[in-house]
Amino acid sequence: MSLTEARFHDLVDAAQQAVEDIFDDSDLDLDLENSGGVLTVRFENGSQLILSRQEPIRQLWVAARSGGFHFDYDASSERWICDSSDELLGEMLARITLDQAGVDLEFDEL
C-alpha cells in the first residue's frame, strides 16, 4: 500500500521532530534548522547531517559525510528503512552522529 501524501508528510514531520528533540536534549554544540521540509544539523566541526523529504517518490533522504541514503517507510514495522542496506533510520543516525560528532546518541524510536 502506498502512502498518501498527507500520511507521508505526517511521518516525515514526526521523524524530523524526533531527531530535533534528540539533538536538543543532547549536550552537543550544534545548529538545527528546519526549513521547507529539510532538517539540517550542523555539528561543531562543520560537518552536516541533512534529512529531506522526496515527496514524488515518498522517500526520506539522509545526506551525511559518509554519503547519501534513501529511506522507505515500512508500514508493517512502522520504521524508515534504507532502500539499499535495510538499515533502520535510527541505527544510521546513531552511526552518523558517532562518526561526525564523536558522540553516541540513541535514536531508538526512529
PDB file of N, CA and C in Angstrom:
ATOM      1  N   MET A   1       0.842  -1.193   0.000  1.00  0.00           N
ATOM      2  CA  MET A   1       0.000   0.000   0.000  1.00  0.00           C
ATOM      3  C   MET A   1       0.882   1.250   0.000  1.00  0.00           C
ATOM      4  N   SER A   2       0.626   2.139  -0.915  1.00  0.00           N
ATOM      5  CA  SER A   2       1.445   3.345  -0.966  1.00  0.00           C
ATOM      6  C   SER A   2       0.902   4.389   0.013  1.00  0.00           C
ATOM      7  N   LEU A   3       1.810   5.209   0.473  1.00  0.00           N
ATOM      8  CA  LEU A   3       1.443   6.259   1.419  1.00  0.00           C
ATOM      9  C   LEU A   3       0.691   7.373   0.712  1.00  0.00           C
ATOM     10  N   THR A   4      -0.325   7.895   1.371  1.00  0.00           N
ATOM     11  CA  THR A   4      -0.942   9.116   0.859  1.00  0.00           C
ATOM     12  C   THR A   4       0.017  10.271   1.090  1.00  0.00           C
ATOM     13  N   GLU A   5      -0.172  11.327   0.353  1.00  0.00           N
ATOM     14  CA  GLU A   5       0.695  12.495   0.522  1.00  0.00           C
ATOM     15  C   GLU A   5       0.627  13.024   1.954  1.00  0.00           C
ATOM     16  N   ALA A   6      -0.582  13.115   2.498  1.00  0.00           N
ATOM     17  CA  ALA A   6      -0.750  13.642   3.860  1.00  0.00           C
ATOM     18  C   ALA A   6      -0.056  12.746   4.886  1.00  0.00           C
ATOM     19  N   ARG A   7      -0.231  11.434   4.752  1.00  0.00           N
ATOM     20  CA  ARG A   7       0.399  10.493   5.690  1.00  0.00           C
ATOM     21  C   ARG A   7       1.920  10.565   5.563  1.00  0.00           C
ATOM     22  N   PHE A   8       2.420  10.652   4.356  1.00  0.00           N
ATOM     23  CA  PHE A   8       3.858  10.774   4.132  1.00  0.00           C
ATOM     24  C   PHE A   8       4.415  11.998   4.857  1.00  0.00           C
ATOM     25  N   HIS A   9       3.754  13.147   4.683  1.00  0.00           N
ATOM     26  CA  HIS A   9       4.228  14.375   5.343  1.00  0.00           C
ATOM     27  C   HIS A   9       4.158  14.245   6.863  1.00  0.00           C
ATOM     28  N   ASP A  10       3.102  13.635   7.371  1.00  0.00           N
ATOM     29  CA  ASP A  10       2.988  13.432   8.818  1.00  0.00           C
ATOM     30  C   ASP A  10       4.138  12.570   9.340  1.00  0.00           C
ATOM     31  N   LEU A  11       4.461  11.512   8.620  1.00  0.00           N
ATOM     32  CA  LEU A  11       5.531  10.609   9.042  1.00  0.00           C
ATOM     33  C   LEU A  11       6.890  11.284   9.002  1.00  0.00           C
ATOM     34  N   VAL A  12       7.153  12.052   7.939  1.00  0.00           N
ATOM     35  CA  VAL A  12       8.435  12.762   7.855  1.00  0.00           C
ATOM     36  C   VAL A  12       8.505  13.840   8.932  1.00  0.00           C
ATOM     37  N   ASP A  13       7.418  14.576   9.131  1.00  0.00           N
ATOM     38  CA  ASP A  13       7.398  15.595  10.193  1.00  0.00           C
ATOM     39  C   ASP A  13       7.713  14.973  11.546  1.00  0.00           C
ATOM     40  N   ALA A  14       7.105  13.834  11.830  1.00  0.00           N
ATOM     41  CA  ALA A  14       7.327  13.159  13.109  1.00  0.00           C
ATOM     42  C   ALA A  14       8.773  12.702  13.247  1.00  0.00           C
ATOM     43  N   ALA A  15       9.332  12.152  12.180  1.00  0.00           N
ATOM     44  CA  ALA A  15      10.728  11.697  12.214  1.00  0.00           C
ATOM     45  C   ALA A  15      11.676  12.867  12.426  1.00  0.00           C
ATOM     46  N   GLN A  16      11.451  13.948  11.674  1.00  0.00           N
ATOM     47  CA  GLN A  16      12.326  15.119  11.814  1.00  0.00           C
ATOM     48  C   GLN A  16      12.194  15.733  13.207  1.00  0.00           C
ATOM     49  N   GLN A  17      10.985  15.783  13.760  1.00  0.00           N
ATOM     50  CA  GLN A  17      10.793  16.334  15.102  1.00  0.00           C
ATOM     51  C   GLN A  17      11.489  15.464  16.141  1.00  0.00           C
ATOM     52  N   ALA A  18      11.407  14.149  15.981  1.00  0.00           N
ATOM     53  CA  ALA A  18      12.086  13.247  16.914  1.00  0.00           C
ATOM     54  C   ALA A  18      13.597  13.457  16.870  1.00  0.00           C
ATOM     55  N   VAL A  19      14.146  13.615  15.663  1.00  0.00           N
ATOM     56  CA  VAL A  19      15.585  13.865  15.516  1.00  0.00           C
ATOM     57  C   VAL A  19      15.950  15.191  16.180  1.00  0.00           C
ATOM     58  N   GLU A  20      15.152  16.234  15.927  1.00  0.00           N
ATOM     59  CA  GLU A  20      15.400  17.533  16.574  1.00  0.00           C
ATOM     60  C   GLU A  20      15.390  17.401  18.089  1.00  0.00           C
ATOM     61  N   ASP A  21      14.402  16.693  18.613  1.00  0.00           N
ATOM     62  CA  ASP A  21      14.279  16.549  20.072  1.00  0.00           C
ATOM     63  C   ASP A  21      15.488  15.832  20.663  1.00  0.00           C
ATOM     64  N   ILE A  22      15.950  14.783  19.984  1.00  0.00           N
ATOM     65  CA  ILE A  22      17.108  14.032  20.474  1.00  0.00           C
ATOM     66  C   ILE A  22      18.342  14.929  20.491  1.00  0.00           C
ATOM     67  N   PHE A  23      18.552  15.701  19.435  1.00  0.00           N
ATOM     68  CA  PHE A  23      19.703  16.599  19.407  1.00  0.00           C
ATOM     69  C   PHE A  23      19.538  17.735  20.417  1.00  0.00           C
ATOM     70  N   ASP A  24      18.315  18.249  20.575  1.00  0.00           N
ATOM     71  CA  ASP A  24      18.073  19.308  21.565  1.00  0.00           C
ATOM     72  C   ASP A  24      18.390  18.829  22.981  1.00  0.00           C
ATOM     73  N   ASP A  25      18.083  17.563  23.256  1.00  0.00           N
ATOM     74  CA  ASP A  25      18.307  17.015  24.592  1.00  0.00           C
ATOM     75  C   ASP A  25      19.747  16.591  24.832  1.00  0.00           C
ATOM     76  N   SER A  26      20.548  16.586  23.776  1.00  0.00           N
ATOM     77  CA  SER A  26      21.950  16.194  23.919  1.00  0.00           C
ATOM     78  C   SER A  26      22.766  17.407  24.361  1.00  0.00           C
ATOM     79  N   ASP A  27      24.005  17.141  24.723  1.00  0.00           N
ATOM     80  CA  ASP A  27      24.902  18.229  25.124  1.00  0.00           C
ATOM     81  C   ASP A  27      25.757  18.710  23.964  1.00  0.00           C
ATOM     82  N   LEU A  28      25.417  18.281  22.761  1.00  0.00           N
ATOM     83  CA  LEU A  28      26.211  18.649  21.590  1.00  0.00           C
ATOM     84  C   LEU A  28      26.065  20.132  21.252  1.00  0.00           C
ATOM     85  N   ASP A  29      27.160  20.725  20.823  1.00  0.00           N
ATOM     86  CA  ASP A  29      27.143  22.095  20.334  1.00  0.00           C
ATOM     87  C   ASP A  29      26.876  22.018  18.832  1.00  0.00           C
ATOM     88  N   LEU A  30      25.636  22.312  18.446  1.00  0.00           N
ATOM     89  CA  LEU A  30      25.258  22.207  17.044  1.00  0.00           C
ATOM     90  C   LEU A  30      24.173  23.215  16.705  1.00  0.00           C
ATOM     91  N   ASP A  31      23.947  23.369  15.423  1.00  0.00           N
ATOM     92  CA  ASP A  31      22.872  24.230  14.939  1.00  0.00           C
ATOM     93  C   ASP A  31      21.847  23.362  14.223  1.00  0.00           C
ATOM     94  N   LEU A  32      20.585  23.590  14.525  1.00  0.00           N
ATOM     95  CA  LEU A  32      19.485  22.893  13.874  1.00  0.00           C
ATOM     96  C   LEU A  32      18.677  23.892  13.074  1.00  0.00           C
ATOM     97  N   GLU A  33      18.354  23.529  11.851  1.00  0.00           N
ATOM     98  CA  GLU A  33      17.500  24.381  11.032  1.00  0.00           C
ATOM     99  C   GLU A  33      16.507  23.490  10.304  1.00  0.00           C
ATOM    100  N   ASN A  34      15.229  23.790  10.459  1.00  0.00           N
ATOM    101  CA  ASN A  34      14.194  23.046   9.748  1.00  0.00           C
ATOM    102  C   ASN A  34      13.447  24.047   8.883  1.00  0.00           C
ATOM    103  N   SER A  35      13.651  23.935   7.580  1.00  0.00           N
ATOM    104  CA  SER A  35      13.068  24.905   6.658  1.00  0.00           C
ATOM    105  C   SER A  35      12.647  24.207   5.381  1.00  0.00           C
ATOM    106  N   GLY A  36      11.422  24.419   4.979  1.00  0.00           N
ATOM    107  CA  GLY A  36      10.948  23.857   3.720  1.00  0.00           C
ATOM    108  C   GLY A  36      10.989  22.344   3.674  1.00  0.00           C
ATOM    109  N   GLY A  37      10.787  21.702   4.828  1.00  0.00           N
ATOM    110  CA  GLY A  37      10.793  20.243   4.860  1.00  0.00           C
ATOM    111  C   GLY A  37      12.166  19.625   4.913  1.00  0.00           C
ATOM    112  N   VAL A  38      13.193  20.454   5.097  1.00  0.00           N
ATOM    113  CA  VAL A  38      14.572  19.968   5.169  1.00  0.00           C
ATOM    114  C   VAL A  38      15.131  20.281   6.555  1.00  0.00           C
ATOM    115  N   LEU A  39      15.570  19.242   7.249  1.00  0.00           N
ATOM    116  CA  LEU A  39      16.201  19.409   8.555  1.00  0.00           C
ATOM    117  C   LEU A  39      17.705  19.323   8.370  1.00  0.00           C
ATOM    118  N   THR A  40      18.404  20.401   8.736  1.00  0.00           N
ATOM    119  CA  THR A  40      19.856  20.438   8.628  1.00  0.00           C
ATOM    120  C   THR A  40      20.455  20.515  10.025  1.00  0.00           C
ATOM    121  N   VAL A  41      21.355  19.583  10.317  1.00  0.00           N
ATOM    122  CA  VAL A  41      22.090  19.556  11.577  1.00  0.00           C
ATOM    123  C   VAL A  41      23.529  19.901  11.254  1.00  0.00           C
ATOM    124  N   ARG A  42      24.025  21.000  11.832  1.00  0.00           N
ATOM    125  CA  ARG A  42      25.421  21.395  11.629  1.00  0.00           C
ATOM    126  C   ARG A  42      26.184  21.142  12.923  1.00  0.00           C
ATOM    127  N   PHE A  43      27.145  20.220  12.843  1.00  0.00           N
ATOM    128  CA  PHE A  43      27.937  19.878  14.017  1.00  0.00           C
ATOM    129  C   PHE A  43      29.049  20.899  14.228  1.00  0.00           C
ATOM    130  N   GLU A  44      29.611  20.872  15.423  1.00  0.00           N
ATOM    131  CA  GLU A  44      30.642  21.837  15.799  1.00  0.00           C
ATOM    132  C   GLU A  44      31.833  21.810  14.845  1.00  0.00           C
ATOM    133  N   ASN A  45      32.147  20.644  14.290  1.00  0.00           N
ATOM    134  CA  ASN A  45      33.309  20.521  13.394  1.00  0.00           C
ATOM    135  C   ASN A  45      33.007  20.959  11.962  1.00  0.00           C
ATOM    136  N   GLY A  46      31.780  21.443  11.734  1.00  0.00           N
ATOM    137  CA  GLY A  46      31.427  21.940  10.414  1.00  0.00           C
ATOM    138  C   GLY A  46      30.738  20.924   9.517  1.00  0.00           C
ATOM    139  N   SER A  47      30.747  19.659   9.911  1.00  0.00           N
ATOM    140  CA  SER A  47      30.065  18.653   9.092  1.00  0.00           C
ATOM    141  C   SER A  47      28.552  18.773   9.287  1.00  0.00           C
ATOM    142  N   GLN A  48      27.819  18.237   8.328  1.00  0.00           N
ATOM    143  CA  GLN A  48      26.368  18.361   8.356  1.00  0.00           C
ATOM    144  C   GLN A  48      25.685  17.011   8.200  1.00  0.00           C
ATOM    145  N   LEU A  49      24.477  16.976   8.708  1.00  0.00           N
ATOM    146  CA  LEU A  49      23.560  15.858   8.529  1.00  0.00           C
ATOM    147  C   LEU A  49      22.257  16.477   8.047  1.00  0.00           C
ATOM    148  N   ILE A  50      21.753  15.998   6.905  1.00  0.00           N
ATOM    149  CA  ILE A  50      20.570  16.609   6.306  1.00  0.00           C
ATOM    150  C   ILE A  50      19.507  15.540   6.079  1.00  0.00           C
ATOM    151  N   LEU A  51      18.300  15.814   6.572  1.00  0.00           N
ATOM    152  CA  LEU A  51      17.160  14.934   6.330  1.00  0.00           C
ATOM    153  C   LEU A  51      16.160  15.701   5.480  1.00  0.00           C
ATOM    154  N   SER A  52      15.863  15.179   4.307  1.00  0.00           N
ATOM    155  CA  SER A  52      14.938  15.874   3.407  1.00  0.00           C
ATOM    156  C   SER A  52      13.886  14.915   2.877  1.00  0.00           C
ATOM    157  N   ARG A  53      12.736  15.468   2.582  1.00  0.00           N
ATOM    158  CA  ARG A  53      11.640  14.644   2.048  1.00  0.00           C
ATOM    159  C   ARG A  53      11.648  14.702   0.535  1.00  0.00           C
ATOM    160  N   GLN A  54      11.423  13.556  -0.069  1.00  0.00           N
ATOM    161  CA  GLN A  54      11.316  13.450  -1.523  1.00  0.00           C
ATOM    162  C   GLN A  54       9.882  13.019  -1.817  1.00  0.00           C
ATOM    163  N   GLU A  55       9.012  14.026  -1.896  1.00  0.00           N
ATOM    164  CA  GLU A  55       7.581  13.778  -1.960  1.00  0.00           C
ATOM    165  C   GLU A  55       7.138  12.909  -3.139  1.00  0.00           C
ATOM    166  N   PRO A  56       7.625  13.148  -4.370  1.00  0.00           N
ATOM    167  CA  PRO A  56       7.122  12.368  -5.502  1.00  0.00           C
ATOM    168  C   PRO A  56       7.323  10.857  -5.349  1.00  0.00           C
ATOM    169  N   ILE A  57       8.411  10.460  -4.689  1.00  0.00           N
ATOM    170  CA  ILE A  57       8.681   9.026  -4.530  1.00  0.00           C
ATOM    171  C   ILE A  57       8.480   8.564  -3.090  1.00  0.00           C
ATOM    172  N   ARG A  58       7.955   9.450  -2.243  1.00  0.00           N
ATOM    173  CA  ARG A  58       7.611   9.103  -0.850  1.00  0.00           C
ATOM    174  C   ARG A  58       8.801   8.520  -0.094  1.00  0.00           C
ATOM    175  N   GLN A  59       9.945   9.186  -0.221  1.00  0.00           N
ATOM    176  CA  GLN A  59      11.136   8.755   0.499  1.00  0.00           C
ATOM    177  C   GLN A  59      11.655   9.865   1.398  1.00  0.00           C
ATOM    178  N   LEU A  60      12.358   9.448   2.442  1.00  0.00           N
ATOM    179  CA  LEU A  60      13.098  10.345   3.310  1.00  0.00           C
ATOM    180  C   LEU A  60      14.563  10.146   2.961  1.00  0.00           C
ATOM    181  N   TRP A  61      15.238  11.219   2.583  1.00  0.00           N
ATOM    182  CA  TRP A  61      16.642  11.127   2.200  1.00  0.00           C
ATOM    183  C   TRP A  61      17.518  11.682   3.306  1.00  0.00           C
ATOM    184  N   VAL A  62      18.643  11.018   3.511  1.00  0.00           N
ATOM    185  CA  VAL A  62      19.627  11.430   4.507  1.00  0.00           C
ATOM    186  C   VAL A  62      20.952  11.676   3.787  1.00  0.00           C
ATOM    187  N   ALA A  63      21.521  12.851   3.999  1.00  0.00           N
ATOM    188  CA  ALA A  63      22.836  13.172   3.458  1.00  0.00           C
ATOM    189  C   ALA A  63      23.790  13.395   4.627  1.00  0.00           C
ATOM    190  N   ALA A  64      24.942  12.754   4.541  1.00  0.00           N
ATOM    191  CA  ALA A  64      25.942  12.854   5.601  1.00  0.00           C
ATOM    192  C   ALA A  64      27.317  12.807   4.963  1.00  0.00           C
ATOM    193  N   ARG A  65      28.337  12.945   5.800  1.00  0.00           N
ATOM    194  CA  ARG A  65      29.707  12.902   5.296  1.00  0.00           C
ATOM    195  C   ARG A  65      29.977  11.569   4.596  1.00  0.00           C
ATOM    196  N   SER A  66      29.325  10.507   5.069  1.00  0.00           N
ATOM    197  CA  SER A  66      29.560   9.170   4.519  1.00  0.00           C
ATOM    198  C   SER A  66      28.768   8.883   3.247  1.00  0.00           C
ATOM    199  N   GLY A  67      27.879   9.796   2.844  1.00  0.00           N
ATOM    200  CA  GLY A  67      27.148   9.602   1.602  1.00  0.00           C
ATOM    201  C   GLY A  67      25.679   9.971   1.709  1.00  0.00           C
ATOM    202  N   GLY A  68      24.932   9.584   0.686  1.00  0.00           N
ATOM    203  CA  GLY A  68      23.504   9.851   0.650  1.00  0.00           C
ATOM    204  C   GLY A  68      22.726   8.544   0.726  1.00  0.00           C
ATOM    205  N   PHE A  69      21.624   8.565   1.459  1.00  0.00           N
ATOM    206  CA  PHE A  69      20.858   7.350   1.706  1.00  0.00           C
ATOM    207  C   PHE A  69      19.373   7.645   1.543  1.00  0.00           C
ATOM    208  N   HIS A  70      18.645   6.659   1.014  1.00  0.00           N
ATOM    209  CA  HIS A  70      17.219   6.824   0.743  1.00  0.00           C
ATOM    210  C   HIS A  70      16.432   5.842   1.593  1.00  0.00           C
ATOM    211  N   PHE A  71      15.396   6.344   2.264  1.00  0.00           N
ATOM    212  CA  PHE A  71      14.603   5.523   3.171  1.00  0.00           C
ATOM    213  C   PHE A  71      13.156   5.445   2.716  1.00  0.00           C
ATOM    214  N   ASP A  72      12.631   4.220   2.765  1.00  0.00           N
ATOM    215  CA  ASP A  72      11.214   3.979   2.519  1.00  0.00           C
ATOM    216  C   ASP A  72      10.556   3.685   3.854  1.00  0.00           C
ATOM    217  N   TYR A  73       9.284   4.083   3.978  1.00  0.00           N
ATOM    218  CA  TYR A  73       8.560   3.790   5.210  1.00  0.00           C
ATOM    219  C   TYR A  73       7.945   2.405   5.111  1.00  0.00           C
ATOM    220  N   ASP A  74       8.239   1.575   6.109  1.00  0.00           N
ATOM    221  CA  ASP A  74       7.679   0.234   6.164  1.00  0.00           C
ATOM    222  C   ASP A  74       6.512   0.246   7.153  1.00  0.00           C
ATOM    223  N   ALA A  75       5.304   0.138   6.610  1.00  0.00           N
ATOM    224  CA  ALA A  75       4.105   0.251   7.449  1.00  0.00           C
ATOM    225  C   ALA A  75       3.992  -0.894   8.449  1.00  0.00           C
ATOM    226  N   SER A  76       4.460  -2.081   8.092  1.00  0.00           N
ATOM    227  CA  SER A  76       4.310  -3.220   8.998  1.00  0.00           C
ATOM    228  C   SER A  76       5.164  -3.065  10.262  1.00  0.00           C
ATOM    229  N   SER A  77       6.366  -2.525  10.113  1.00  0.00           N
ATOM    230  CA  SER A  77       7.228  -2.312  11.287  1.00  0.00           C
ATOM    231  C   SER A  77       7.148  -0.884  11.808  1.00  0.00           C
ATOM    232  N   GLU A  78       6.495  -0.020  11.036  1.00  0.00           N
ATOM    233  CA  GLU A  78       6.376   1.404  11.371  1.00  0.00           C
ATOM    234  C   GLU A  78       7.752   2.037  11.555  1.00  0.00           C
ATOM    235  N   ARG A  79       8.649   1.725  10.621  1.00  0.00           N
ATOM    236  CA  ARG A  79      10.019   2.240  10.653  1.00  0.00           C
ATOM    237  C   ARG A  79      10.425   2.701   9.263  1.00  0.00           C
ATOM    238  N   TRP A  80      11.374   3.641   9.228  1.00  0.00           N
ATOM    239  CA  TRP A  80      12.011   4.047   7.973  1.00  0.00           C
ATOM    240  C   TRP A  80      13.191   3.107   7.761  1.00  0.00           C
ATOM    241  N   ILE A  81      13.268   2.510   6.562  1.00  0.00           N
ATOM    242  CA  ILE A  81      14.297   1.520   6.261  1.00  0.00           C
ATOM    243  C   ILE A  81      15.048   1.947   5.000  1.00  0.00           C
ATOM    244  N   CYS A  82      16.380   1.892   5.069  1.00  0.00           N
ATOM    245  CA  CYS A  82      17.217   2.269   3.928  1.00  0.00           C
ATOM    246  C   CYS A  82      16.971   1.311   2.772  1.00  0.00           C
ATOM    247  N   ASP A  83      16.756   1.868   1.587  1.00  0.00           N
ATOM    248  CA  ASP A  83      16.416   1.027   0.436  1.00  0.00           C
ATOM    249  C   ASP A  83      17.612   0.260  -0.125  1.00  0.00           C
ATOM    250  N   SER A  84      18.830   0.593   0.296  1.00  0.00           N
ATOM    251  CA  SER A  84      19.999  -0.111  -0.231  1.00  0.00           C
ATOM    252  C   SER A  84      20.634  -1.061   0.790  1.00  0.00           C
ATOM    253  N   SER A  85      20.432  -0.790   2.083  1.00  0.00           N
ATOM    254  CA  SER A  85      21.116  -1.611   3.091  1.00  0.00           C
ATOM    255  C   SER A  85      20.170  -2.247   4.101  1.00  0.00           C
ATOM    256  N   ASP A  86      18.895  -1.874   4.085  1.00  0.00           N
ATOM    257  CA  ASP A  86      17.904  -2.334   5.073  1.00  0.00           C
ATOM    258  C   ASP A  86      18.211  -1.849   6.490  1.00  0.00           C
ATOM    259  N   GLU A  87      19.123  -0.881   6.624  1.00  0.00           N
ATOM    260  CA  GLU A  87      19.428  -0.321   7.940  1.00  0.00           C
ATOM    261  C   GLU A  87      18.278   0.587   8.361  1.00  0.00           C
ATOM    262  N   LEU A  88      17.929   0.534   9.628  1.00  0.00           N
ATOM    263  CA  LEU A  88      16.887   1.418  10.150  1.00  0.00           C
ATOM    264  C   LEU A  88      17.411   2.842  10.257  1.00  0.00           C
ATOM    265  N   LEU A  89      16.508   3.801  10.094  1.00  0.00           N
ATOM    266  CA  LEU A  89      16.889   5.211  10.173  1.00  0.00           C
ATOM    267  C   LEU A  89      17.610   5.519  11.483  1.00  0.00           C
ATOM    268  N   GLY A  90      17.057   5.060  12.597  1.00  0.00           N
ATOM    269  CA  GLY A  90      17.669   5.337  13.897  1.00  0.00           C
ATOM    270  C   GLY A  90      19.070   4.781  14.027  1.00  0.00           C
ATOM    271  N   GLU A  91      19.281   3.582  13.498  1.00  0.00           N
ATOM    272  CA  GLU A  91      20.614   2.968  13.541  1.00  0.00           C
ATOM    273  C   GLU A  91      21.605   3.797  12.743  1.00  0.00           C
ATOM    274  N   MET A  92      21.184   4.227  11.557  1.00  0.00           N
ATOM    275  CA  MET A  92      22.085   5.016  10.724  1.00  0.00           C
ATOM    276  C   MET A  92      22.383   6.373  11.352  1.00  0.00           C
ATOM    277  N   LEU A  93      21.369   7.027  11.917  1.00  0.00           N
ATOM    278  CA  LEU A  93      21.596   8.333  12.538  1.00  0.00           C
ATOM    279  C   LEU A  93      22.551   8.212  13.722  1.00  0.00           C
ATOM    280  N   ALA A  94      22.434   7.132  14.490  1.00  0.00           N
ATOM    281  CA  ALA A  94      23.360   6.918  15.614  1.00  0.00           C
ATOM    282  C   ALA A  94      24.785   6.750  15.090  1.00  0.00           C
ATOM    283  N   ARG A  95      24.939   5.985  14.014  1.00  0.00           N
ATOM    284  CA  ARG A  95      26.265   5.753  13.432  1.00  0.00           C
ATOM    285  C   ARG A  95      26.853   7.044  12.867  1.00  0.00           C
ATOM    286  N   ILE A  96      26.022   7.817  12.160  1.00  0.00           N
ATOM    287  CA  ILE A  96      26.486   9.076  11.566  1.00  0.00           C
ATOM    288  C   ILE A  96      26.883  10.071  12.652  1.00  0.00           C
ATOM    289  N   THR A  97      26.081  10.156  13.712  1.00  0.00           N
ATOM    290  CA  THR A  97      26.388  11.095  14.806  1.00  0.00           C
ATOM    291  C   THR A  97      27.690  10.709  15.497  1.00  0.00           C
ATOM    292  N   LEU A  98      27.892   9.420  15.689  1.00  0.00           N
ATOM    293  CA  LEU A  98      29.145   8.960  16.292  1.00  0.00           C
ATOM    294  C   LEU A  98      30.322   9.293  15.372  1.00  0.00           C
ATOM    295  N   ASP A  99      30.143   9.074  14.077  1.00  0.00           N
ATOM    296  CA  ASP A  99      31.197   9.333  13.099  1.00  0.00           C
ATOM    297  C   ASP A  99      31.511  10.828  12.979  1.00  0.00           C
ATOM    298  N   GLN A 100      30.474  11.646  12.911  1.00  0.00           N
ATOM    299  CA  GLN A 100      30.684  13.069  12.621  1.00  0.00           C
ATOM    300  C   GLN A 100      30.850  13.930  13.863  1.00  0.00           C
ATOM    301  N   ALA A 101      30.280  13.521  15.000  1.00  0.00           N
ATOM    302  CA  ALA A 101      30.369  14.350  16.205  1.00  0.00           C
ATOM    303  C   ALA A 101      31.083  13.642  17.349  1.00  0.00           C
ATOM    304  N   GLY A 102      31.373  12.358  17.165  1.00  0.00           N
ATOM    305  CA  GLY A 102      32.084  11.619  18.200  1.00  0.00           C
ATOM    306  C   GLY A 102      31.244  11.343  19.432  1.00  0.00           C
ATOM    307  N   VAL A 103      29.925  11.404  19.280  1.00  0.00           N
ATOM    308  CA  VAL A 103      29.030  11.196  20.416  1.00  0.00           C
ATOM    309  C   VAL A 103      28.052  10.075  20.078  1.00  0.00           C
ATOM    310  N   ASP A 104      27.810   9.225  21.056  1.00  0.00           N
ATOM    311  CA  ASP A 104      26.898   8.104  20.891  1.00  0.00           C
ATOM    312  C   ASP A 104      25.529   8.503  21.405  1.00  0.00           C
ATOM    313  N   LEU A 105      24.605   8.767  20.487  1.00  0.00           N
ATOM    314  CA  LEU A 105      23.236   9.117  20.867  1.00  0.00           C
ATOM    315  C   LEU A 105      22.290   7.987  20.488  1.00  0.00           C
ATOM    316  N   GLU A 106      21.204   7.880  21.220  1.00  0.00           N
ATOM    317  CA  GLU A 106      20.199   6.854  20.949  1.00  0.00           C
ATOM    318  C   GLU A 106      19.082   7.437  20.094  1.00  0.00           C
ATOM    319  N   PHE A 107      18.793   6.785  19.004  1.00  0.00           N
ATOM    320  CA  PHE A 107      17.685   7.160  18.125  1.00  0.00           C
ATOM    321  C   PHE A 107      16.714   5.982  18.020  1.00  0.00           C
ATOM    322  N   ASP A 108      16.454   5.347  19.160  1.00  0.00           N
ATOM    323  CA  ASP A 108      15.701   4.089  19.187  1.00  0.00           C
ATOM    324  C   ASP A 108      14.292   4.203  18.616  1.00  0.00           C
ATOM    325  N   GLU A 109      13.645   5.338  18.819  1.00  0.00           N
ATOM    326  CA  GLU A 109      12.235   5.434  18.405  1.00  0.00           C
ATOM    327  C   GLU A 109      12.075   5.649  16.900  1.00  0.00           C
ATOM    328  N   LEU A 110      13.171   5.773  16.185  1.00  0.00           N
ATOM    329  CA  LEU A 110      13.074   6.002  14.738  1.00  0.00           C
ATOM    330  C   LEU A 110      13.232   4.716  13.955  1.00  0.00           C
TER     331      LEU A 110
END
